Amino acid sequence: MIEHKDKHGNENMIEGRNAVLEALRSGKPVDKLFVLDGCQDGPVRTIVREAKKHDTLVQFVDKERLTQLSQTGRHQGVLIQRLMSMHR
C-alpha cells in the first residue's frame, strides 16, 4: 500500500488501485476519492462502487490534477485522501 505522510506525520494519501480498494474495504476513514475523469474500466468502477457504499465523496478530475495530488506519480487513475486524525 502506498501511503504518504503530511508534515505532521499523518498518513493521509493512498494511491494505486489495489491500495485504494484495500483501504476502502478495511473501513479506514476516507475523506475523498479522486478518480481520473473518463476512466470507467472494471477495477475503477469497483472502487467507485465501494467508495459510495461508505458514503465517500467521489471527485472526477483530469490527469493533471491527479498527478498534482500524487506524490509518486503511480496513482493508476485513483487516489484517496484520508481524514486527518484528531489525536496528536
PDB file of N, CA and C in Angstrom:
ATOM      1  N   MET A   1       0.843  -1.159   0.000  1.00  0.00           N
ATOM      2  CA  MET A   1       0.000   0.000   0.000  1.00  0.00           C
ATOM      3  C   MET A   1       0.895   1.230   0.000  1.00  0.00           C
ATOM      4  N   ILE A   2       0.598   2.187  -0.841  1.00  0.00           N
ATOM      5  CA  ILE A   2       1.377   3.411  -0.904  1.00  0.00           C
ATOM      6  C   ILE A   2       0.651   4.475  -0.103  1.00  0.00           C
ATOM      7  N   GLU A   3       1.228   4.857   1.042  1.00  0.00           N
ATOM      8  CA  GLU A   3       0.650   5.896   1.879  1.00  0.00           C
ATOM      9  C   GLU A   3       1.685   7.000   2.030  1.00  0.00           C
ATOM     10  N   HIS A   4       1.195   8.221   2.130  1.00  0.00           N
ATOM     11  CA  HIS A   4       2.087   9.364   2.281  1.00  0.00           C
ATOM     12  C   HIS A   4       1.755  10.099   3.550  1.00  0.00           C
ATOM     13  N   LYS A   5       2.769  10.644   4.192  1.00  0.00           N
ATOM     14  CA  LYS A   5       2.569  11.375   5.425  1.00  0.00           C
ATOM     15  C   LYS A   5       2.657  12.868   5.159  1.00  0.00           C
ATOM     16  N   ASP A   6       1.806  13.618   5.872  1.00  0.00           N
ATOM     17  CA  ASP A   6       1.880  15.059   5.771  1.00  0.00           C
ATOM     18  C   ASP A   6       2.963  15.570   6.713  1.00  0.00           C
ATOM     19  N   LYS A   7       3.071  16.887   6.868  1.00  0.00           N
ATOM     20  CA  LYS A   7       4.143  17.469   7.675  1.00  0.00           C
ATOM     21  C   LYS A   7       4.035  17.105   9.154  1.00  0.00           C
ATOM     22  N   HIS A   8       2.870  16.621   9.589  1.00  0.00           N
ATOM     23  CA  HIS A   8       2.684  16.213  10.977  1.00  0.00           C
ATOM     24  C   HIS A   8       2.898  14.714  11.158  1.00  0.00           C
ATOM     25  N   GLY A   9       3.231  14.018  10.088  1.00  0.00           N
ATOM     26  CA  GLY A   9       3.463  12.580  10.160  1.00  0.00           C
ATOM     27  C   GLY A   9       2.197  11.751  10.020  1.00  0.00           C
ATOM     28  N   ASN A  10       1.080  12.384   9.676  1.00  0.00           N
ATOM     29  CA  ASN A  10      -0.171  11.655   9.485  1.00  0.00           C
ATOM     30  C   ASN A  10      -0.211  11.045   8.096  1.00  0.00           C
ATOM     31  N   GLU A  11      -0.630   9.802   8.020  1.00  0.00           N
ATOM     32  CA  GLU A  11      -0.770   9.162   6.715  1.00  0.00           C
ATOM     33  C   GLU A  11      -2.105   9.604   6.146  1.00  0.00           C
ATOM     34  N   ASN A  12      -2.066  10.349   5.032  1.00  0.00           N
ATOM     35  CA  ASN A  12      -3.313  10.924   4.555  1.00  0.00           C
ATOM     36  C   ASN A  12      -3.609  10.698   3.088  1.00  0.00           C
ATOM     37  N   MET A  13      -2.685  10.189   2.303  1.00  0.00           N
ATOM     38  CA  MET A  13      -2.941   9.934   0.895  1.00  0.00           C
ATOM     39  C   MET A  13      -2.569   8.493   0.581  1.00  0.00           C
ATOM     40  N   ILE A  14      -3.444   7.835  -0.157  1.00  0.00           N
ATOM     41  CA  ILE A  14      -3.169   6.470  -0.610  1.00  0.00           C
ATOM     42  C   ILE A  14      -3.455   6.440  -2.104  1.00  0.00           C
ATOM     43  N   GLU A  15      -2.537   5.898  -2.875  1.00  0.00           N
ATOM     44  CA  GLU A  15      -2.715   5.868  -4.326  1.00  0.00           C
ATOM     45  C   GLU A  15      -2.436   4.488  -4.895  1.00  0.00           C
ATOM     46  N   GLY A  16      -3.049   4.236  -6.059  1.00  0.00           N
ATOM     47  CA  GLY A  16      -2.928   2.940  -6.708  1.00  0.00           C
ATOM     48  C   GLY A  16      -4.197   2.141  -6.499  1.00  0.00           C
ATOM     49  N   ARG A  17      -4.617   1.434  -7.527  1.00  0.00           N
ATOM     50  CA  ARG A  17      -5.914   0.745  -7.499  1.00  0.00           C
ATOM     51  C   ARG A  17      -6.046  -0.255  -6.363  1.00  0.00           C
ATOM     52  N   ASN A  18      -5.088  -1.147  -6.206  1.00  0.00           N
ATOM     53  CA  ASN A  18      -5.185  -2.170  -5.162  1.00  0.00           C
ATOM     54  C   ASN A  18      -5.137  -1.549  -3.772  1.00  0.00           C
ATOM     55  N   ALA A  19      -4.241  -0.595  -3.567  1.00  0.00           N
ATOM     56  CA  ALA A  19      -4.104   0.045  -2.260  1.00  0.00           C
ATOM     57  C   ALA A  19      -5.359   0.823  -1.888  1.00  0.00           C
ATOM     58  N   VAL A  20      -5.935   1.520  -2.851  1.00  0.00           N
ATOM     59  CA  VAL A  20      -7.153   2.293  -2.604  1.00  0.00           C
ATOM     60  C   VAL A  20      -8.309   1.362  -2.266  1.00  0.00           C
ATOM     61  N   LEU A  21      -8.479   0.305  -3.038  1.00  0.00           N
ATOM     62  CA  LEU A  21      -9.571  -0.639  -2.784  1.00  0.00           C
ATOM     63  C   LEU A  21      -9.401  -1.302  -1.416  1.00  0.00           C
ATOM     64  N   GLU A  22      -8.188  -1.681  -1.087  1.00  0.00           N
ATOM     65  CA  GLU A  22      -7.900  -2.292   0.213  1.00  0.00           C
ATOM     66  C   GLU A  22      -8.243  -1.327   1.357  1.00  0.00           C
ATOM     67  N   ALA A  23      -7.867  -0.072   1.215  1.00  0.00           N
ATOM     68  CA  ALA A  23      -8.157   0.924   2.253  1.00  0.00           C
ATOM     69  C   ALA A  23      -9.654   1.133   2.418  1.00  0.00           C
ATOM     70  N   LEU A  24     -10.385   1.209   1.312  1.00  0.00           N
ATOM     71  CA  LEU A  24     -11.836   1.387   1.390  1.00  0.00           C
ATOM     72  C   LEU A  24     -12.493   0.186   2.069  1.00  0.00           C
ATOM     73  N   ARG A  25     -12.077  -0.987   1.713  1.00  0.00           N
ATOM     74  CA  ARG A  25     -12.674  -2.202   2.274  1.00  0.00           C
ATOM     75  C   ARG A  25     -12.294  -2.410   3.733  1.00  0.00           C
ATOM     76  N   SER A  26     -11.181  -1.836   4.162  1.00  0.00           N
ATOM     77  CA  SER A  26     -10.740  -2.000   5.555  1.00  0.00           C
ATOM     78  C   SER A  26     -11.557  -1.152   6.523  1.00  0.00           C
ATOM     79  N   GLY A  27     -12.300  -0.198   5.976  1.00  0.00           N
ATOM     80  CA  GLY A  27     -13.101   0.659   6.836  1.00  0.00           C
ATOM     81  C   GLY A  27     -12.357   1.865   7.372  1.00  0.00           C
ATOM     82  N   LYS A  28     -11.128   2.098   6.889  1.00  0.00           N
ATOM     83  CA  LYS A  28     -10.391   3.285   7.316  1.00  0.00           C
ATOM     84  C   LYS A  28     -11.173   4.525   6.901  1.00  0.00           C
ATOM     85  N   PRO A  29     -11.179   5.561   7.747  1.00  0.00           N
ATOM     86  CA  PRO A  29     -11.917   6.772   7.376  1.00  0.00           C
ATOM     87  C   PRO A  29     -11.287   7.452   6.157  1.00  0.00           C
ATOM     88  N   VAL A  30     -12.121   7.743   5.174  1.00  0.00           N
ATOM     89  CA  VAL A  30     -11.658   8.353   3.926  1.00  0.00           C
ATOM     90  C   VAL A  30     -12.474   9.608   3.661  1.00  0.00           C
ATOM     91  N   ASP A  31     -11.802  10.690   3.322  1.00  0.00           N
ATOM     92  CA  ASP A  31     -12.470  11.950   3.039  1.00  0.00           C
ATOM     93  C   ASP A  31     -12.962  11.985   1.593  1.00  0.00           C
ATOM     94  N   LYS A  32     -12.040  11.730   0.645  1.00  0.00           N
ATOM     95  CA  LYS A  32     -12.383  11.834  -0.776  1.00  0.00           C
ATOM     96  C   LYS A  32     -11.673  10.767  -1.585  1.00  0.00           C
ATOM     97  N   LEU A  33     -12.345  10.372  -2.644  1.00  0.00           N
ATOM     98  CA  LEU A  33     -11.744   9.518  -3.665  1.00  0.00           C
ATOM     99  C   LEU A  33     -11.618  10.368  -4.917  1.00  0.00           C
ATOM    100  N   PHE A  34     -10.418  10.490  -5.435  1.00  0.00           N
ATOM    101  CA  PHE A  34     -10.181  11.196  -6.689  1.00  0.00           C
ATOM    102  C   PHE A  34     -10.014  10.154  -7.782  1.00  0.00           C
ATOM    103  N   VAL A  35     -10.761  10.318  -8.875  1.00  0.00           N
ATOM    104  CA  VAL A  35     -10.744   9.359  -9.980  1.00  0.00           C
ATOM    105  C   VAL A  35     -10.458  10.105 -11.275  1.00  0.00           C
ATOM    106  N   LEU A  36      -9.617   9.518 -12.098  1.00  0.00           N
ATOM    107  CA  LEU A  36      -9.321  10.099 -13.405  1.00  0.00           C
ATOM    108  C   LEU A  36     -10.597  10.159 -14.230  1.00  0.00           C
ATOM    109  N   ASP A  37     -10.971  11.345 -14.659  1.00  0.00           N
ATOM    110  CA  ASP A  37     -12.187  11.552 -15.434  1.00  0.00           C
ATOM    111  C   ASP A  37     -12.136  10.726 -16.717  1.00  0.00           C
ATOM    112  N   GLY A  38     -13.201   9.984 -16.979  1.00  0.00           N
ATOM    113  CA  GLY A  38     -13.286   9.175 -18.187  1.00  0.00           C
ATOM    114  C   GLY A  38     -12.803   7.751 -18.003  1.00  0.00           C
ATOM    115  N   CYS A  39     -12.167   7.464 -16.876  1.00  0.00           N
ATOM    116  CA  CYS A  39     -11.671   6.110 -16.614  1.00  0.00           C
ATOM    117  C   CYS A  39     -12.817   5.290 -16.036  1.00  0.00           C
ATOM    118  N   GLN A  40     -13.333   4.361 -16.825  1.00  0.00           N
ATOM    119  CA  GLN A  40     -14.506   3.582 -16.416  1.00  0.00           C
ATOM    120  C   GLN A  40     -14.299   2.081 -16.578  1.00  0.00           C
ATOM    121  N   ASP A  41     -13.057   1.611 -16.472  1.00  0.00           N
ATOM    122  CA  ASP A  41     -12.854   0.172 -16.603  1.00  0.00           C
ATOM    123  C   ASP A  41     -13.339  -0.546 -15.346  1.00  0.00           C
ATOM    124  N   GLY A  42     -13.354  -1.849 -15.385  1.00  0.00           N
ATOM    125  CA  GLY A  42     -13.897  -2.660 -14.301  1.00  0.00           C
ATOM    126  C   GLY A  42     -13.335  -2.356 -12.920  1.00  0.00           C
ATOM    127  N   PRO A  43     -12.006  -2.360 -12.755  1.00  0.00           N
ATOM    128  CA  PRO A  43     -11.447  -2.084 -11.425  1.00  0.00           C
ATOM    129  C   PRO A  43     -11.829  -0.699 -10.886  1.00  0.00           C
ATOM    130  N   VAL A  44     -11.856   0.297 -11.743  1.00  0.00           N
ATOM    131  CA  VAL A  44     -12.205   1.649 -11.291  1.00  0.00           C
ATOM    132  C   VAL A  44     -13.679   1.709 -10.900  1.00  0.00           C
ATOM    133  N   ARG A  45     -14.536   1.057 -11.662  1.00  0.00           N
ATOM    134  CA  ARG A  45     -15.957   1.021 -11.299  1.00  0.00           C
ATOM    135  C   ARG A  45     -16.153   0.333  -9.946  1.00  0.00           C
ATOM    136  N   THR A  46     -15.383  -0.721  -9.695  1.00  0.00           N
ATOM    137  CA  THR A  46     -15.450  -1.421  -8.412  1.00  0.00           C
ATOM    138  C   THR A  46     -15.038  -0.481  -7.277  1.00  0.00           C
ATOM    139  N   ILE A  47     -13.982   0.283  -7.480  1.00  0.00           N
ATOM    140  CA  ILE A  47     -13.500   1.227  -6.468  1.00  0.00           C
ATOM    141  C   ILE A  47     -14.550   2.307  -6.198  1.00  0.00           C
ATOM    142  N   VAL A  48     -15.145   2.857  -7.240  1.00  0.00           N
ATOM    143  CA  VAL A  48     -16.169   3.896  -7.080  1.00  0.00           C
ATOM    144  C   VAL A  48     -17.379   3.319  -6.341  1.00  0.00           C
ATOM    145  N   ARG A  49     -17.781   2.130  -6.692  1.00  0.00           N
ATOM    146  CA  ARG A  49     -18.922   1.480  -6.032  1.00  0.00           C
ATOM    147  C   ARG A  49     -18.634   1.271  -4.537  1.00  0.00           C
ATOM    148  N   GLU A  50     -17.433   0.825  -4.228  1.00  0.00           N
ATOM    149  CA  GLU A  50     -17.039   0.603  -2.829  1.00  0.00           C
ATOM    150  C   GLU A  50     -17.019   1.929  -2.065  1.00  0.00           C
ATOM    151  N   ALA A  51     -16.525   2.982  -2.688  1.00  0.00           N
ATOM    152  CA  ALA A  51     -16.490   4.297  -2.041  1.00  0.00           C
ATOM    153  C   ALA A  51     -17.899   4.790  -1.738  1.00  0.00           C
ATOM    154  N   LYS A  52     -18.805   4.599  -2.672  1.00  0.00           N
ATOM    155  CA  LYS A  52     -20.189   5.045  -2.473  1.00  0.00           C
ATOM    156  C   LYS A  52     -20.869   4.260  -1.352  1.00  0.00           C
ATOM    157  N   LYS A  53     -20.503   2.999  -1.183  1.00  0.00           N
ATOM    158  CA  LYS A  53     -21.052   2.194  -0.081  1.00  0.00           C
ATOM    159  C   LYS A  53     -20.718   2.810   1.274  1.00  0.00           C
ATOM    160  N   HIS A  54     -19.550   3.456   1.337  1.00  0.00           N
ATOM    161  CA  HIS A  54     -19.067   4.053   2.585  1.00  0.00           C
ATOM    162  C   HIS A  54     -19.332   5.561   2.641  1.00  0.00           C
ATOM    163  N   ASP A  55     -20.182   6.045   1.734  1.00  0.00           N
ATOM    164  CA  ASP A  55     -20.525   7.478   1.678  1.00  0.00           C
ATOM    165  C   ASP A  55     -19.298   8.379   1.520  1.00  0.00           C
ATOM    166  N   THR A  56     -18.320   7.889   0.775  1.00  0.00           N
ATOM    167  CA  THR A  56     -17.118   8.674   0.481  1.00  0.00           C
ATOM    168  C   THR A  56     -17.395   9.585  -0.701  1.00  0.00           C
ATOM    169  N   LEU A  57     -16.975  10.829  -0.593  1.00  0.00           N
ATOM    170  CA  LEU A  57     -17.132  11.785  -1.688  1.00  0.00           C
ATOM    171  C   LEU A  57     -16.243  11.345  -2.856  1.00  0.00           C
ATOM    172  N   VAL A  58     -16.827  11.223  -4.040  1.00  0.00           N
ATOM    173  CA  VAL A  58     -16.083  10.826  -5.242  1.00  0.00           C
ATOM    174  C   VAL A  58     -15.969  12.045  -6.138  1.00  0.00           C
ATOM    175  N   GLN A  59     -14.738  12.390  -6.493  1.00  0.00           N
ATOM    176  CA  GLN A  59     -14.498  13.551  -7.345  1.00  0.00           C
ATOM    177  C   GLN A  59     -13.720  13.100  -8.581  1.00  0.00           C
ATOM    178  N   PHE A  60     -14.296  13.349  -9.760  1.00  0.00           N
ATOM    179  CA  PHE A  60     -13.623  13.024 -11.018  1.00  0.00           C
ATOM    180  C   PHE A  60     -12.785  14.229 -11.432  1.00  0.00           C
ATOM    181  N   VAL A  61     -11.510  13.984 -11.702  1.00  0.00           N
ATOM    182  CA  VAL A  61     -10.577  15.069 -12.014  1.00  0.00           C
ATOM    183  C   VAL A  61      -9.781  14.722 -13.271  1.00  0.00           C
ATOM    184  N   ASP A  62      -9.184  15.748 -13.880  1.00  0.00           N
ATOM    185  CA  ASP A  62      -8.358  15.492 -15.059  1.00  0.00           C
ATOM    186  C   ASP A  62      -6.991  14.950 -14.633  1.00  0.00           C
ATOM    187  N   LYS A  63      -6.260  14.468 -15.604  1.00  0.00           N
ATOM    188  CA  LYS A  63      -4.977  13.816 -15.333  1.00  0.00           C
ATOM    189  C   LYS A  63      -3.983  14.758 -14.655  1.00  0.00           C
ATOM    190  N   GLU A  64      -3.978  16.018 -15.055  1.00  0.00           N
ATOM    191  CA  GLU A  64      -3.046  16.983 -14.466  1.00  0.00           C
ATOM    192  C   GLU A  64      -3.304  17.154 -12.974  1.00  0.00           C
ATOM    193  N   ARG A  65      -4.587  17.250 -12.589  1.00  0.00           N
ATOM    194  CA  ARG A  65      -4.929  17.423 -11.174  1.00  0.00           C
ATOM    195  C   ARG A  65      -4.559  16.171 -10.377  1.00  0.00           C
ATOM    196  N   LEU A  66      -4.830  15.015 -10.916  1.00  0.00           N
ATOM    197  CA  LEU A  66      -4.496  13.770 -10.226  1.00  0.00           C
ATOM    198  C   LEU A  66      -2.980  13.654 -10.042  1.00  0.00           C
ATOM    199  N   THR A  67      -2.242  14.041 -11.044  1.00  0.00           N
ATOM    200  CA  THR A  67      -0.785  13.994 -10.959  1.00  0.00           C
ATOM    201  C   THR A  67      -0.277  14.988  -9.923  1.00  0.00           C
ATOM    202  N   GLN A  68      -0.912  16.152  -9.810  1.00  0.00           N
ATOM    203  CA  GLN A  68      -0.544  17.127  -8.775  1.00  0.00           C
ATOM    204  C   GLN A  68      -0.746  16.549  -7.380  1.00  0.00           C
ATOM    205  N   LEU A  69      -1.841  15.847  -7.187  1.00  0.00           N
ATOM    206  CA  LEU A  69      -2.155  15.271  -5.878  1.00  0.00           C
ATOM    207  C   LEU A  69      -1.239  14.091  -5.539  1.00  0.00           C
ATOM    208  N   SER A  70      -0.803  13.376  -6.560  1.00  0.00           N
ATOM    209  CA  SER A  70       0.021  12.188  -6.374  1.00  0.00           C
ATOM    210  C   SER A  70       1.430  12.572  -5.941  1.00  0.00           C
ATOM    211  N   GLN A  71       1.961  11.788  -5.004  1.00  0.00           N
ATOM    212  CA  GLN A  71       3.332  12.035  -4.568  1.00  0.00           C
ATOM    213  C   GLN A  71       4.328  11.148  -5.307  1.00  0.00           C
ATOM    214  N   THR A  72       3.827  10.077  -5.921  1.00  0.00           N
ATOM    215  CA  THR A  72       4.723   9.139  -6.602  1.00  0.00           C
ATOM    216  C   THR A  72       4.542   9.137  -8.113  1.00  0.00           C
ATOM    217  N   GLY A  73       3.393   9.636  -8.576  1.00  0.00           N
ATOM    218  CA  GLY A  73       3.088   9.562  -9.994  1.00  0.00           C
ATOM    219  C   GLY A  73       2.537   8.210 -10.401  1.00  0.00           C
ATOM    220  N   ARG A  74       2.346   7.312  -9.434  1.00  0.00           N
ATOM    221  CA  ARG A  74       1.854   5.958  -9.717  1.00  0.00           C
ATOM    222  C   ARG A  74       0.441   5.770  -9.167  1.00  0.00           C
ATOM    223  N   HIS A  75      -0.434   6.695  -9.474  1.00  0.00           N
ATOM    224  CA  HIS A  75      -1.789   6.671  -8.924  1.00  0.00           C
ATOM    225  C   HIS A  75      -2.710   5.696  -9.644  1.00  0.00           C
ATOM    226  N   GLN A  76      -2.382   5.296 -10.860  1.00  0.00           N
ATOM    227  CA  GLN A  76      -3.185   4.360 -11.665  1.00  0.00           C
ATOM    228  C   GLN A  76      -4.625   4.840 -11.852  1.00  0.00           C
ATOM    229  N   GLY A  77      -4.810   6.154 -11.816  1.00  0.00           N
ATOM    230  CA  GLY A  77      -6.134   6.722 -12.059  1.00  0.00           C
ATOM    231  C   GLY A  77      -6.993   6.910 -10.822  1.00  0.00           C
ATOM    232  N   VAL A  78      -6.488   6.503  -9.651  1.00  0.00           N
ATOM    233  CA  VAL A  78      -7.250   6.667  -8.402  1.00  0.00           C
ATOM    234  C   VAL A  78      -6.334   7.053  -7.248  1.00  0.00           C
ATOM    235  N   LEU A  79      -6.897   7.845  -6.343  1.00  0.00           N
ATOM    236  CA  LEU A  79      -6.148   8.293  -5.172  1.00  0.00           C
ATOM    237  C   LEU A  79      -7.164   8.659  -4.102  1.00  0.00           C
ATOM    238  N   ILE A  80      -6.901   8.280  -2.865  1.00  0.00           N
ATOM    239  CA  ILE A  80      -7.809   8.703  -1.802  1.00  0.00           C
ATOM    240  C   ILE A  80      -7.091   9.596  -0.813  1.00  0.00           C
ATOM    241  N   GLN A  81      -7.871  10.485  -0.243  1.00  0.00           N
ATOM    242  CA  GLN A  81      -7.398  11.371   0.807  1.00  0.00           C
ATOM    243  C   GLN A  81      -8.107  10.930   2.079  1.00  0.00           C
ATOM    244  N   ARG A  82      -7.335  10.530   3.059  1.00  0.00           N
ATOM    245  CA  ARG A  82      -7.906  10.070   4.320  1.00  0.00           C
ATOM    246  C   ARG A  82      -8.170  11.248   5.233  1.00  0.00           C
ATOM    247  N   LEU A  83      -9.125  11.057   6.132  1.00  0.00           N
ATOM    248  CA  LEU A  83      -9.414  12.057   7.136  1.00  0.00           C
ATOM    249  C   LEU A  83      -8.216  12.200   8.063  1.00  0.00           C
ATOM    250  N   MET A  84      -7.934  13.404   8.456  1.00  0.00           N
ATOM    251  CA  MET A  84      -6.828  13.642   9.366  1.00  0.00           C
ATOM    252  C   MET A  84      -7.235  13.228  10.775  1.00  0.00           C
ATOM    253  N   SER A  85      -6.350  12.581  11.455  1.00  0.00           N
ATOM    254  CA  SER A  85      -6.611  12.163  12.832  1.00  0.00           C
ATOM    255  C   SER A  85      -6.686  13.390  13.728  1.00  0.00           C
ATOM    256  N   MET A  86      -7.617  13.371  14.644  1.00  0.00           N
ATOM    257  CA  MET A  86      -7.747  14.473  15.584  1.00  0.00           C
ATOM    258  C   MET A  86      -6.833  14.281  16.803  1.00  0.00           C
ATOM    259  N   HIS A  87      -6.231  13.109  16.928  1.00  0.00           N
ATOM    260  CA  HIS A  87      -5.350  12.822  18.059  1.00  0.00           C
ATOM    261  C   HIS A  87      -3.935  13.246  17.714  1.00  0.00           C
ATOM    262  N   ARG A  88      -3.249  13.865  18.673  1.00  0.00           N
ATOM    263  CA  ARG A  88      -1.872  14.293  18.430  1.00  0.00           C
ATOM    264  C   ARG A  88      -0.970  13.749  19.472  1.00  0.00           C
TER     265      ARG A  88
END
